[in-house]
Amino acid sequence: MQLTACSGSTSDSTDTGSSSAGATPEDSRADRSPEPPSEPATDQSPDPSPDCDSPCYGEPDTVGTLTDDTVAEVSGMAASVRTPGLYYVVSDEPGTAEVAVVQEDGTPVARLELAGMDTENAEALAVGPCGDDPETSCLYVGDIGDHVGRDHVTVYRAPEPDLDDPPASLDVDADALEFDYEAGPTDAETLLVDPDGRLLVVSKAPFDEDTGETGSTRLYRGPADGGEFALLGEIELPEPEDGFLAGLVGNVVTDASADLAAGRVLLRTYDEVLEYRAAEPGADIATFPDWPRRRVPAGSVLQAETVAYLVDDCGYLTTSELTGTIDAVRCTG
């Protein structure tokens, strides 16, 4: 599957061939009758910098920083649907019981204390339809990181609170959804929600440091209210164009974001961001690995752990787990 860069020129342009089949020696035309003047030649060569398919993304811009006081080692980010312009962020520290709410530049707004949440390794956030009420948006906290082979994982689900004028700290009721995996214990850092409130998990592939090989990236789907994550298949990731980190820790998925209305999914790896776009409206989000994909700007953040589509604008944010730097990539057309 061809990957097309979203901005700037691309080296993957298909050669359309030369505009002329060959030259005729002058002496072979000497006895020919004069021909009427031809129309000026039109350049048939491909545009070296073609317009990218909409949406077209511009260059990344650093817009802020998440400080340690706000969140230590950010591992997940998601945009609020109920209050566009605000973002949820979470730390992967053991015992995490809260989610921070921030502005785009990292300015803290509030802290949400989710009832009963006590995570082992929270690695993902998502905002999507609630399982019992698809018209209401819920915040999902994925305690799905697994470096030791846990028998089960937990996803906490809470209706999005009103954040127009929130107190500094807000208690939020939450459901603890328990899951196990059809294929056995699985490490993951990526969570998506389909229109029916069912959860999709993209695994973090194992990496063999001795051989430098990355294992399989798998896609799972689970019921809206907990149960078993069923294996849907594997996701074939392209080799990164600049795979420095992939060579050290593997070509692995660290986050994802979905725009259900537009039929788009972003996958974040340590080196790249890939965007998948549905060919037809209403396509099942679980089929996104088969959608056309393209590379989009990855930003300059170190050890990138998150990616989140904007809700109040066109584009997305991505952040660094190491420094908390926030890069914004906005649409240009």
C-alpha atoms as a PDB file:
ATOM      1  CA  MET A   1       0.000   0.000   0.000  1.00  0.00           C
ATOM      2  CA  GLN A   2       1.487   3.342  -1.039  1.00  0.00           C
ATOM      3  CA  LEU A   3       1.964   5.995   1.602  1.00  0.00           C
ATOM      4  CA  THR A   4       1.581   9.597   0.484  1.00  0.00           C
ATOM      5  CA  ALA A   5       3.117  12.418   2.447  1.00  0.00           C
ATOM      6  CA  CYS A   6       0.575  14.958   3.592  1.00  0.00           C
ATOM      7  CA  SER A   7       2.621  18.084   3.074  1.00  0.00           C
ATOM      8  CA  GLY A   8       5.450  19.073   0.820  1.00  0.00           C
ATOM      9  CA  SER A   9       6.880  17.034  -2.015  1.00  0.00           C
ATOM     10  CA  THR A  10       6.955  13.277  -2.029  1.00  0.00           C
ATOM     11  CA  SER A  11       9.409  10.789  -3.452  1.00  0.00           C
ATOM     12  CA  ASP A  12       6.633   8.253  -3.982  1.00  0.00           C
ATOM     13  CA  SER A  13       5.130   9.998  -7.022  1.00  0.00           C
ATOM     14  CA  THR A  14       4.254   7.569  -9.778  1.00  0.00           C
ATOM     15  CA  ASP A  15       6.185   8.041 -12.970  1.00  0.00           C
ATOM     16  CA  THR A  16       3.663   8.871 -15.682  1.00  0.00           C
ATOM     17  CA  GLY A  17       6.176   8.558 -18.481  1.00  0.00           C
ATOM     18  CA  SER A  18       7.654  11.015 -20.905  1.00  0.00           C
ATOM     19  CA  SER A  19       5.458  13.368 -22.909  1.00  0.00           C
ATOM     20  CA  SER A  20       7.146  12.393 -26.195  1.00  0.00           C
ATOM     21  CA  ALA A  21       7.875   8.955 -27.622  1.00  0.00           C
ATOM     22  CA  GLY A  22      11.160   9.900 -29.300  1.00  0.00           C
ATOM     23  CA  ALA A  23      12.914  12.305 -31.699  1.00  0.00           C
ATOM     24  CA  THR A  24      12.956  12.211 -35.525  1.00  0.00           C
ATOM     25  CA  PRO A  25      16.201  13.174 -37.345  1.00  0.00           C
ATOM     26  CA  GLU A  26      15.977  16.460 -39.232  1.00  0.00           C
ATOM     27  CA  ASP A  27      17.013  14.898 -42.576  1.00  0.00           C
ATOM     28  CA  SER A  28      14.091  12.462 -42.487  1.00  0.00           C
ATOM     29  CA  ARG A  29      11.731  15.467 -42.610  1.00  0.00           C
ATOM     30  CA  ALA A  30      13.513  17.271 -45.432  1.00  0.00           C
ATOM     31  CA  ASP A  31      11.125  16.179 -48.218  1.00  0.00           C
ATOM     32  CA  ARG A  32       7.944  16.488 -46.215  1.00  0.00           C
ATOM     33  CA  SER A  33       5.260  19.052 -47.012  1.00  0.00           C
ATOM     34  CA  PRO A  34       5.118  21.949 -44.616  1.00  0.00           C
ATOM     35  CA  GLU A  35       2.807  21.298 -41.691  1.00  0.00           C
ATOM     36  CA  PRO A  36       0.646  23.873 -39.985  1.00  0.00           C
ATOM     37  CA  PRO A  37       2.116  25.333 -36.826  1.00  0.00           C
ATOM     38  CA  SER A  38       1.395  23.183 -33.826  1.00  0.00           C
ATOM     39  CA  GLU A  39      -0.104  24.430 -30.587  1.00  0.00           C
ATOM     40  CA  PRO A  40       2.413  25.379 -27.896  1.00  0.00           C
ATOM     41  CA  ALA A  41       3.574  22.334 -26.008  1.00  0.00           C
ATOM     42  CA  THR A  42       2.010  21.738 -22.644  1.00  0.00           C
ATOM     43  CA  ASP A  43       4.179  20.456 -19.817  1.00  0.00           C
ATOM     44  CA  GLN A  44       2.911  16.953 -19.050  1.00  0.00           C
ATOM     45  CA  SER A  45       5.373  16.222 -16.261  1.00  0.00           C
ATOM     46  CA  PRO A  46       3.902  15.484 -12.834  1.00  0.00           C
ATOM     47  CA  ASP A  47       3.680  18.302 -10.314  1.00  0.00           C
ATOM     48  CA  PRO A  48       6.709  17.882  -8.033  1.00  0.00           C
ATOM     49  CA  SER A  49       4.714  19.242  -5.081  1.00  0.00           C
ATOM     50  CA  PRO A  50       1.149  18.016  -5.553  1.00  0.00           C
ATOM     51  CA  ASP A  51      -1.616  19.281  -3.355  1.00  0.00           C
ATOM     52  CA  CYS A  52      -2.302  16.695  -0.690  1.00  0.00           C
ATOM     53  CA  ASP A  53      -5.716  15.162  -0.250  1.00  0.00           C
ATOM     54  CA  SER A  54      -7.935  17.114   2.115  1.00  0.00           C
ATOM     55  CA  PRO A  55      -7.350  17.614   4.926  1.00  0.00           C
ATOM     56  CA  CYS A  56      -3.854  18.862   4.243  1.00  0.00           C
ATOM     57  CA  TYR A  57      -1.699  19.398   7.321  1.00  0.00           C
ATOM     58  CA  GLY A  58       0.878  22.104   7.852  1.00  0.00           C
ATOM     59  CA  GLU A  59       4.148  22.022   9.721  1.00  0.00           C
ATOM     60  CA  PRO A  60       4.104  21.140  13.447  1.00  0.00           C
ATOM     61  CA  ASP A  61       4.180  24.027  15.890  1.00  0.00           C
ATOM     62  CA  THR A  62       5.159  23.756  19.557  1.00  0.00           C
ATOM     63  CA  VAL A  63       2.267  25.299  21.494  1.00  0.00           C
ATOM     64  CA  GLY A  64       3.023  24.474  25.120  1.00  0.00           C
ATOM     65  CA  THR A  65       4.267  22.089  27.767  1.00  0.00           C
ATOM     66  CA  LEU A  66       2.728  19.749  30.327  1.00  0.00           C
ATOM     67  CA  THR A  67       4.608  20.323  33.566  1.00  0.00           C
ATOM     68  CA  ASP A  68       5.303  17.625  36.146  1.00  0.00           C
ATOM     69  CA  ASP A  69       2.890  19.400  38.479  1.00  0.00           C
ATOM     70  CA  THR A  70       0.116  18.764  35.967  1.00  0.00           C
ATOM     71  CA  VAL A  71       0.978  15.232  34.863  1.00  0.00           C
ATOM     72  CA  ALA A  72       4.147  13.192  35.278  1.00  0.00           C
ATOM     73  CA  GLU A  73       5.108  11.174  32.190  1.00  0.00           C
ATOM     74  CA  VAL A  74       1.973  11.774  30.134  1.00  0.00           C
ATOM     75  CA  SER A  75       0.821   8.524  28.550  1.00  0.00           C
ATOM     76  CA  GLY A  76      -2.594   9.417  27.166  1.00  0.00           C
ATOM     77  CA  MET A  77      -4.447  12.434  25.762  1.00  0.00           C
ATOM     78  CA  ALA A  78      -7.965  12.939  24.422  1.00  0.00           C
ATOM     79  CA  ALA A  79      -9.965  15.992  23.379  1.00  0.00           C
ATOM     80  CA  SER A  80     -13.174  16.804  25.207  1.00  0.00           C
ATOM     81  CA  VAL A  81     -16.282  16.578  23.044  1.00  0.00           C
ATOM     82  CA  ARG A  82     -18.554  18.228  25.597  1.00  0.00           C
ATOM     83  CA  THR A  83     -16.172  21.163  26.093  1.00  0.00           C
ATOM     84  CA  PRO A  84     -14.208  21.675  22.856  1.00  0.00           C
ATOM     85  CA  GLY A  85     -10.815  23.250  23.377  1.00  0.00           C
ATOM     86  CA  LEU A  86     -10.031  21.285  26.546  1.00  0.00           C
ATOM     87  CA  TYR A  87      -8.026  18.055  26.779  1.00  0.00           C
ATOM     88  CA  TYR A  88      -7.729  15.171  29.197  1.00  0.00           C
ATOM     89  CA  VAL A  89      -4.261  13.847  30.070  1.00  0.00           C
ATOM     90  CA  VAL A  90      -3.200  10.955  32.291  1.00  0.00           C
ATOM     91  CA  SER A  91       0.011   9.618  33.807  1.00  0.00           C
ATOM     92  CA  ASP A  92       1.135   5.984  33.656  1.00  0.00           C
ATOM     93  CA  GLU A  93       2.355   5.981  37.268  1.00  0.00           C
ATOM     94  CA  PRO A  94       1.038   3.091  39.417  1.00  0.00           C
ATOM     95  CA  GLY A  95      -1.812   4.176  41.668  1.00  0.00           C
ATOM     96  CA  THR A  96      -3.052   6.934  39.383  1.00  0.00           C
ATOM     97  CA  ALA A  97      -6.546   7.953  40.486  1.00  0.00           C
ATOM     98  CA  GLU A  98      -7.080  11.177  38.564  1.00  0.00           C
ATOM     99  CA  VAL A  99      -7.143  12.707  35.105  1.00  0.00           C
ATOM    100  CA  ALA A 100      -5.955  16.264  34.503  1.00  0.00           C
ATOM    101  CA  VAL A 101      -7.880  18.698  32.297  1.00  0.00           C
ATOM    102  CA  VAL A 102      -5.755  21.203  30.381  1.00  0.00           C
ATOM    103  CA  GLN A 103      -5.945  23.786  27.647  1.00  0.00           C
ATOM    104  CA  GLU A 104      -4.157  23.232  24.337  1.00  0.00           C
ATOM    105  CA  ASP A 105      -0.985  24.890  25.649  1.00  0.00           C
ATOM    106  CA  GLY A 106      -0.906  22.704  28.757  1.00  0.00           C
ATOM    107  CA  THR A 107      -2.387  25.261  31.166  1.00  0.00           C
ATOM    108  CA  PRO A 108      -4.155  23.260  33.897  1.00  0.00           C
ATOM    109  CA  VAL A 109      -7.914  23.716  34.251  1.00  0.00           C
ATOM    110  CA  ALA A 110      -9.086  21.031  36.690  1.00  0.00           C
ATOM    111  CA  ARG A 111      -8.430  17.564  38.099  1.00  0.00           C
ATOM    112  CA  LEU A 112     -10.981  14.775  37.833  1.00  0.00           C
ATOM    113  CA  GLU A 113     -11.037  12.184  40.615  1.00  0.00           C
ATOM    114  CA  LEU A 114     -12.645   9.085  39.112  1.00  0.00           C
ATOM    115  CA  ALA A 115     -14.513   7.026  41.696  1.00  0.00           C
ATOM    116  CA  GLY A 116     -12.793   3.708  42.364  1.00  0.00           C
ATOM    117  CA  MET A 117      -9.910   4.294  39.946  1.00  0.00           C
ATOM    118  CA  ASP A 118      -6.559   2.932  41.123  1.00  0.00           C
ATOM    119  CA  THR A 119      -4.541   2.066  38.050  1.00  0.00           C
ATOM    120  CA  GLU A 120      -1.562  -0.221  37.637  1.00  0.00           C
ATOM    121  CA  ASN A 121      -0.433   1.183  34.287  1.00  0.00           C
ATOM    122  CA  ALA A 122      -2.819   3.703  32.679  1.00  0.00           C
ATOM    123  CA  GLU A 123      -1.588   4.060  29.120  1.00  0.00           C
ATOM    124  CA  ALA A 124      -4.520   5.373  27.082  1.00  0.00           C
ATOM    125  CA  LEU A 125      -7.386   7.859  27.037  1.00  0.00           C
ATOM    126  CA  ALA A 126     -10.319   8.111  24.668  1.00  0.00           C
ATOM    127  CA  VAL A 127     -13.546  10.086  24.433  1.00  0.00           C
ATOM    128  CA  GLY A 128     -16.459   8.412  22.696  1.00  0.00           C
ATOM    129  CA  PRO A 129     -20.084   7.375  22.958  1.00  0.00           C
ATOM    130  CA  CYS A 130     -21.173   5.881  26.272  1.00  0.00           C
ATOM    131  CA  GLY A 131     -22.122   2.230  26.038  1.00  0.00           C
ATOM    132  CA  ASP A 132     -25.629   2.601  27.469  1.00  0.00           C
ATOM    133  CA  ASP A 133     -26.272   6.008  25.895  1.00  0.00           C
ATOM    134  CA  PRO A 134     -24.565   6.551  22.507  1.00  0.00           C
ATOM    135  CA  GLU A 135     -25.799  10.158  22.418  1.00  0.00           C
ATOM    136  CA  THR A 136     -23.743  11.006  25.515  1.00  0.00           C
ATOM    137  CA  SER A 137     -19.957  11.290  25.416  1.00  0.00           C
ATOM    138  CA  CYS A 138     -17.839   9.439  27.952  1.00  0.00           C
ATOM    139  CA  LEU A 139     -14.218   9.618  29.032  1.00  0.00           C
ATOM    140  CA  TYR A 140     -12.408   6.269  28.943  1.00  0.00           C
ATOM    141  CA  VAL A 141      -9.219   5.625  30.918  1.00  0.00           C
ATOM    142  CA  GLY A 142      -7.378   2.528  29.715  1.00  0.00           C
ATOM    143  CA  ASP A 143      -5.450   0.775  32.491  1.00  0.00           C
ATOM    144  CA  ILE A 144      -4.146  -1.538  29.772  1.00  0.00           C
ATOM    145  CA  GLY A 145      -0.367  -1.334  29.973  1.00  0.00           C
ATOM    146  CA  ASP A 146       0.992  -4.795  30.715  1.00  0.00           C
ATOM    147  CA  HIS A 147       4.673  -5.456  31.142  1.00  0.00           C
ATOM    148  CA  VAL A 148       4.203  -8.433  33.485  1.00  0.00           C
ATOM    149  CA  GLY A 149       1.385 -10.496  31.968  1.00  0.00           C
ATOM    150  CA  ARG A 150      -1.763  -9.457  33.886  1.00  0.00           C
ATOM    151  CA  ASP A 151      -4.730 -11.830  33.793  1.00  0.00           C
ATOM    152  CA  HIS A 152      -7.097  -8.954  33.100  1.00  0.00           C
ATOM    153  CA  VAL A 153      -7.121  -5.215  32.454  1.00  0.00           C
ATOM    154  CA  THR A 154      -9.538  -2.448  33.419  1.00  0.00           C
ATOM    155  CA  VAL A 155     -11.049   0.432  31.478  1.00  0.00           C
ATOM    156  CA  TYR A 156     -12.715   3.162  33.530  1.00  0.00           C
ATOM    157  CA  ARG A 157     -15.681   4.900  31.911  1.00  0.00           C
ATOM    158  CA  ALA A 158     -17.174   8.183  33.122  1.00  0.00           C
ATOM    159  CA  PRO A 159     -19.667  10.578  31.511  1.00  0.00           C
ATOM    160  CA  GLU A 160     -17.908  13.780  30.502  1.00  0.00           C
ATOM    161  CA  PRO A 161     -18.483  16.424  33.187  1.00  0.00           C
ATOM    162  CA  ASP A 162     -19.429  20.044  32.599  1.00  0.00           C
ATOM    163  CA  LEU A 163     -16.086  21.848  32.290  1.00  0.00           C
ATOM    164  CA  ASP A 164     -17.284  25.333  31.333  1.00  0.00           C
ATOM    165  CA  ASP A 165     -16.434  26.674  34.799  1.00  0.00           C
ATOM    166  CA  PRO A 166     -15.116  23.734  36.833  1.00  0.00           C
ATOM    167  CA  PRO A 167     -13.723  23.718  40.367  1.00  0.00           C
ATOM    168  CA  ALA A 168     -10.032  22.891  40.774  1.00  0.00           C
ATOM    169  CA  SER A 169     -10.947  19.320  41.717  1.00  0.00           C
ATOM    170  CA  LEU A 170     -14.042  17.423  40.655  1.00  0.00           C
ATOM    171  CA  ASP A 171     -15.298  13.998  41.782  1.00  0.00           C
ATOM    172  CA  VAL A 172     -16.711  11.942  38.910  1.00  0.00           C
ATOM    173  CA  ASP A 173     -18.638   8.670  39.051  1.00  0.00           C
ATOM    174  CA  ALA A 174     -17.059   5.938  36.938  1.00  0.00           C
ATOM    175  CA  ASP A 175     -17.687   2.354  35.887  1.00  0.00           C
ATOM    176  CA  ALA A 176     -14.804  -0.131  36.077  1.00  0.00           C
ATOM    177  CA  LEU A 177     -15.018  -2.366  33.000  1.00  0.00           C
ATOM    178  CA  GLU A 178     -13.024  -5.593  33.339  1.00  0.00           C
ATOM    179  CA  PHE A 179     -11.561  -7.330  30.283  1.00  0.00           C
ATOM    180  CA  ASP A 180      -9.353 -10.265  29.430  1.00  0.00           C
ATOM    181  CA  TYR A 181      -7.881 -11.126  26.043  1.00  0.00           C
ATOM    182  CA  GLU A 182      -8.834 -13.976  23.767  1.00  0.00           C
ATOM    183  CA  ALA A 183      -5.157 -14.372  22.849  1.00  0.00           C
ATOM    184  CA  GLY A 184      -3.801 -14.145  26.418  1.00  0.00           C
ATOM    185  CA  PRO A 185      -2.096 -11.261  28.267  1.00  0.00           C
ATOM    186  CA  THR A 186      -1.331  -8.353  25.948  1.00  0.00           C
ATOM    187  CA  ASP A 187       0.566  -5.102  26.372  1.00  0.00           C
ATOM    188  CA  ALA A 188      -1.193  -2.064  24.874  1.00  0.00           C
ATOM    189  CA  GLU A 189      -1.132   1.728  24.958  1.00  0.00           C
ATOM    190  CA  THR A 190      -3.941   2.506  22.518  1.00  0.00           C
ATOM    191  CA  LEU A 191      -7.707   2.740  23.021  1.00  0.00           C
ATOM    192  CA  LEU A 192     -10.510   3.702  20.614  1.00  0.00           C
ATOM    193  CA  VAL A 193     -14.299   3.695  20.971  1.00  0.00           C
ATOM    194  CA  ASP A 194     -16.742   2.799  18.195  1.00  0.00           C
ATOM    195  CA  PRO A 195     -20.193   4.429  17.720  1.00  0.00           C
ATOM    196  CA  ASP A 196     -21.831   1.743  19.895  1.00  0.00           C
ATOM    197  CA  GLY A 197     -19.453   2.288  22.793  1.00  0.00           C
ATOM    198  CA  ARG A 198     -17.466  -0.867  22.095  1.00  0.00           C
ATOM    199  CA  LEU A 199     -13.750  -0.637  22.782  1.00  0.00           C
ATOM    200  CA  LEU A 200     -10.913  -1.207  20.343  1.00  0.00           C
ATOM    201  CA  VAL A 201      -7.371  -1.875  21.553  1.00  0.00           C
ATOM    202  CA  VAL A 202      -4.220  -1.814  19.424  1.00  0.00           C
ATOM    203  CA  SER A 203      -1.469  -3.877  21.018  1.00  0.00           C
ATOM    204  CA  LYS A 204       2.069  -2.689  21.650  1.00  0.00           C
ATOM    205  CA  ALA A 205       4.093  -5.225  19.720  1.00  0.00           C
ATOM    206  CA  PRO A 206       6.941  -7.080  21.451  1.00  0.00           C
ATOM    207  CA  PHE A 207      10.466  -6.096  20.463  1.00  0.00           C
ATOM    208  CA  ASP A 208      13.471  -8.413  20.356  1.00  0.00           C
ATOM    209  CA  GLU A 209      16.531  -6.361  21.284  1.00  0.00           C
ATOM    210  CA  ASP A 210      18.895  -9.115  20.138  1.00  0.00           C
ATOM    211  CA  THR A 211      17.537  -9.342  16.597  1.00  0.00           C
ATOM    212  CA  GLY A 212      16.066  -5.832  16.320  1.00  0.00           C
ATOM    213  CA  GLU A 213      12.769  -7.308  15.118  1.00  0.00           C
ATOM    214  CA  THR A 214       9.330  -6.019  16.068  1.00  0.00           C
ATOM    215  CA  GLY A 215       6.576  -8.571  16.567  1.00  0.00           C
ATOM    216  CA  SER A 216       2.952  -8.424  15.485  1.00  0.00           C
ATOM    217  CA  THR A 217       0.675  -5.451  16.131  1.00  0.00           C
ATOM    218  CA  ARG A 218      -2.826  -6.739  16.856  1.00  0.00           C
ATOM    219  CA  LEU A 219      -6.306  -5.228  16.900  1.00  0.00           C
ATOM    220  CA  TYR A 220      -8.903  -6.299  19.463  1.00  0.00           C
ATOM    221  CA  ARG A 221     -12.530  -5.358  20.092  1.00  0.00           C
ATOM    222  CA  GLY A 222     -14.465  -5.776  23.332  1.00  0.00           C
ATOM    223  CA  PRO A 223     -18.089  -5.345  24.445  1.00  0.00           C
ATOM    224  CA  ALA A 224     -19.235  -1.963  25.701  1.00  0.00           C
ATOM    225  CA  ASP A 225     -19.650  -3.154  29.297  1.00  0.00           C
ATOM    226  CA  GLY A 226     -16.632  -5.413  29.703  1.00  0.00           C
ATOM    227  CA  GLY A 227     -15.861  -9.043  28.883  1.00  0.00           C
ATOM    228  CA  GLU A 228     -13.394 -10.457  26.385  1.00  0.00           C
ATOM    229  CA  PHE A 229     -11.245  -8.576  23.901  1.00  0.00           C
ATOM    230  CA  ALA A 230     -11.662 -10.632  20.720  1.00  0.00           C
ATOM    231  CA  LEU A 231      -8.772 -10.701  18.278  1.00  0.00           C
ATOM    232  CA  LEU A 232      -9.837  -9.089  14.979  1.00  0.00           C
ATOM    233  CA  GLY A 233      -6.521  -9.395  13.147  1.00  0.00           C
ATOM    234  CA  GLU A 234      -3.083  -7.893  12.739  1.00  0.00           C
ATOM    235  CA  ILE A 235      -2.087  -4.416  11.595  1.00  0.00           C
ATOM    236  CA  GLU A 236       0.772  -4.195   9.131  1.00  0.00           C
ATOM    237  CA  LEU A 237       2.777  -1.076   9.941  1.00  0.00           C
ATOM    238  CA  PRO A 238       5.096   0.346   7.280  1.00  0.00           C
ATOM    239  CA  GLU A 239       8.756   0.676   8.075  1.00  0.00           C
ATOM    240  CA  PRO A 240       9.327   4.266   9.261  1.00  0.00           C
ATOM    241  CA  GLU A 241      11.196   6.573   6.918  1.00  0.00           C
ATOM    242  CA  ASP A 242      13.433   7.649   9.794  1.00  0.00           C
ATOM    243  CA  GLY A 243      13.337   4.753  12.209  1.00  0.00           C
ATOM    244  CA  PHE A 244      15.863   5.791  14.841  1.00  0.00           C
ATOM    245  CA  LEU A 245      13.647   4.937  17.809  1.00  0.00           C
ATOM    246  CA  ALA A 246      12.155   1.933  16.027  1.00  0.00           C
ATOM    247  CA  GLY A 247      15.661   0.521  15.922  1.00  0.00           C
ATOM    248  CA  LEU A 248      16.016   0.949  19.684  1.00  0.00           C
ATOM    249  CA  VAL A 249      12.583   0.007  21.051  1.00  0.00           C
ATOM    250  CA  GLY A 250      10.645  -1.292  18.045  1.00  0.00           C
ATOM    251  CA  ASN A 251       8.151   0.032  15.531  1.00  0.00           C
ATOM    252  CA  VAL A 252       5.307   0.060  18.042  1.00  0.00           C
ATOM    253  CA  VAL A 253       2.008   1.930  18.425  1.00  0.00           C
ATOM    254  CA  THR A 254       1.889   4.266  21.439  1.00  0.00           C
ATOM    255  CA  ASP A 255      -1.484   5.959  20.896  1.00  0.00           C
ATOM    256  CA  ALA A 256      -4.364   6.526  18.500  1.00  0.00           C
ATOM    257  CA  SER A 257      -7.245   8.917  17.938  1.00  0.00           C
ATOM    258  CA  ALA A 258     -10.447   8.571  15.946  1.00  0.00           C
ATOM    259  CA  ASP A 259     -12.736  11.084  14.254  1.00  0.00           C
ATOM    260  CA  LEU A 260     -15.846   8.924  13.871  1.00  0.00           C
ATOM    261  CA  ALA A 261     -17.857  11.490  11.898  1.00  0.00           C
ATOM    262  CA  ALA A 262     -15.106  12.005   9.328  1.00  0.00           C
ATOM    263  CA  GLY A 263     -14.034   8.358   9.178  1.00  0.00           C
ATOM    264  CA  ARG A 264     -10.396   8.976  10.132  1.00  0.00           C
ATOM    265  CA  VAL A 265      -7.970   7.287  12.518  1.00  0.00           C
ATOM    266  CA  LEU A 266      -4.494   8.406  13.601  1.00  0.00           C
ATOM    267  CA  LEU A 267      -1.884   5.907  14.801  1.00  0.00           C
ATOM    268  CA  ARG A 268       1.131   7.262  16.713  1.00  0.00           C
ATOM    269  CA  THR A 269       4.438   5.398  16.808  1.00  0.00           C
ATOM    270  CA  TYR A 270       7.665   6.681  18.343  1.00  0.00           C
ATOM    271  CA  ASP A 271       8.838   7.826  14.905  1.00  0.00           C
ATOM    272  CA  GLU A 272       5.735   8.602  12.839  1.00  0.00           C
ATOM    273  CA  VAL A 273       2.039   9.420  12.678  1.00  0.00           C
ATOM    274  CA  LEU A 274      -0.112   7.490  10.208  1.00  0.00           C
ATOM    275  CA  GLU A 275      -3.604   8.558   9.170  1.00  0.00           C
ATOM    276  CA  TYR A 276      -6.180   6.049   7.902  1.00  0.00           C
ATOM    277  CA  ARG A 277      -9.203   7.389   6.020  1.00  0.00           C
ATOM    278  CA  ALA A 278     -12.373   5.480   5.219  1.00  0.00           C
ATOM    279  CA  ALA A 279     -13.267   5.269   1.558  1.00  0.00           C
ATOM    280  CA  GLU A 280     -16.998   5.315   2.343  1.00  0.00           C
ATOM    281  CA  PRO A 281     -19.023   7.156   5.019  1.00  0.00           C
ATOM    282  CA  GLY A 282     -20.142   5.017   7.917  1.00  0.00           C
ATOM    283  CA  ALA A 283     -17.379   2.430   7.564  1.00  0.00           C
ATOM    284  CA  ASP A 284     -16.868   0.213  10.602  1.00  0.00           C
ATOM    285  CA  ILE A 285     -13.958   1.734  12.533  1.00  0.00           C
ATOM    286  CA  ALA A 286     -12.748  -1.800  13.287  1.00  0.00           C
ATOM    287  CA  THR A 287     -11.841  -2.107   9.594  1.00  0.00           C
ATOM    288  CA  PHE A 288      -9.506   0.902   9.651  1.00  0.00           C
ATOM    289  CA  PRO A 289      -6.323  -1.168   9.030  1.00  0.00           C
ATOM    290  CA  ASP A 290      -7.717  -1.806   5.526  1.00  0.00           C
ATOM    291  CA  TRP A 291      -8.411   1.879   4.800  1.00  0.00           C
ATOM    292  CA  PRO A 292      -6.051   3.975   2.654  1.00  0.00           C
ATOM    293  CA  ARG A 293      -3.280   5.397   4.816  1.00  0.00           C
ATOM    294  CA  ARG A 294      -0.734   8.160   4.586  1.00  0.00           C
ATOM    295  CA  ARG A 295       2.091   9.614   6.626  1.00  0.00           C
ATOM    296  CA  VAL A 296       1.288  12.937   8.261  1.00  0.00           C
ATOM    297  CA  PRO A 297       3.596  15.306  10.192  1.00  0.00           C
ATOM    298  CA  ALA A 298       4.892  13.656  13.355  1.00  0.00           C
ATOM    299  CA  GLY A 299       6.170  16.734  15.186  1.00  0.00           C
ATOM    300  CA  SER A 300       9.515  17.026  16.919  1.00  0.00           C
ATOM    301  CA  VAL A 301       8.543  15.733  20.377  1.00  0.00           C
ATOM    302  CA  LEU A 302      10.837  13.190  22.040  1.00  0.00           C
ATOM    303  CA  GLN A 303       9.438   9.750  22.864  1.00  0.00           C
ATOM    304  CA  ALA A 304       5.991  10.606  21.551  1.00  0.00           C
ATOM    305  CA  GLU A 305       3.273   8.916  23.608  1.00  0.00           C
ATOM    306  CA  THR A 306       0.051  10.626  22.539  1.00  0.00           C
ATOM    307  CA  VAL A 307      -1.949  11.870  19.585  1.00  0.00           C
ATOM    308  CA  ALA A 308      -5.401  13.489  19.674  1.00  0.00           C
ATOM    309  CA  TYR A 309      -7.591  14.995  16.976  1.00  0.00           C
ATOM    310  CA  LEU A 310      -8.780  18.527  17.703  1.00  0.00           C
ATOM    311  CA  VAL A 311     -12.514  18.954  18.260  1.00  0.00           C
ATOM    312  CA  ASP A 312     -12.727  22.746  18.033  1.00  0.00           C
ATOM    313  CA  ASP A 313     -10.495  22.972  14.941  1.00  0.00           C
ATOM    314  CA  CYS A 314      -9.001  20.840  12.163  1.00  0.00           C
ATOM    315  CA  GLY A 315      -5.759  19.087  13.105  1.00  0.00           C
ATOM    316  CA  TYR A 316      -4.265  17.189  16.022  1.00  0.00           C
ATOM    317  CA  LEU A 317      -1.941  17.413  19.033  1.00  0.00           C
ATOM    318  CA  THR A 318       0.939  15.128  19.990  1.00  0.00           C
ATOM    319  CA  THR A 319       3.029  15.169  23.155  1.00  0.00           C
ATOM    320  CA  SER A 320       6.316  13.946  24.596  1.00  0.00           C
ATOM    321  CA  GLU A 321       6.371  11.592  27.563  1.00  0.00           C
ATOM    322  CA  LEU A 322       9.872  12.781  28.471  1.00  0.00           C
ATOM    323  CA  THR A 323       9.543  16.568  28.307  1.00  0.00           C
ATOM    324  CA  GLY A 324       5.780  17.191  28.177  1.00  0.00           C
ATOM    325  CA  THR A 325       6.200  19.251  25.005  1.00  0.00           C
ATOM    326  CA  ILE A 326       2.956  19.709  23.052  1.00  0.00           C
ATOM    327  CA  ASP A 327       3.061  20.034  19.258  1.00  0.00           C
ATOM    328  CA  ALA A 328       0.039  21.104  17.219  1.00  0.00           C
ATOM    329  CA  VAL A 329      -0.431  20.142  13.590  1.00  0.00           C
ATOM    330  CA  ARG A 330      -3.197  22.155  11.926  1.00  0.00           C
ATOM    331  CA  CYS A 331      -4.996  21.804   8.643  1.00  0.00           C
ATOM    332  CA  THR A 332      -4.064  24.140   5.807  1.00  0.00           C
ATOM    333  CA  GLY A 333      -6.763  23.115   3.348  1.00  0.00           C
END
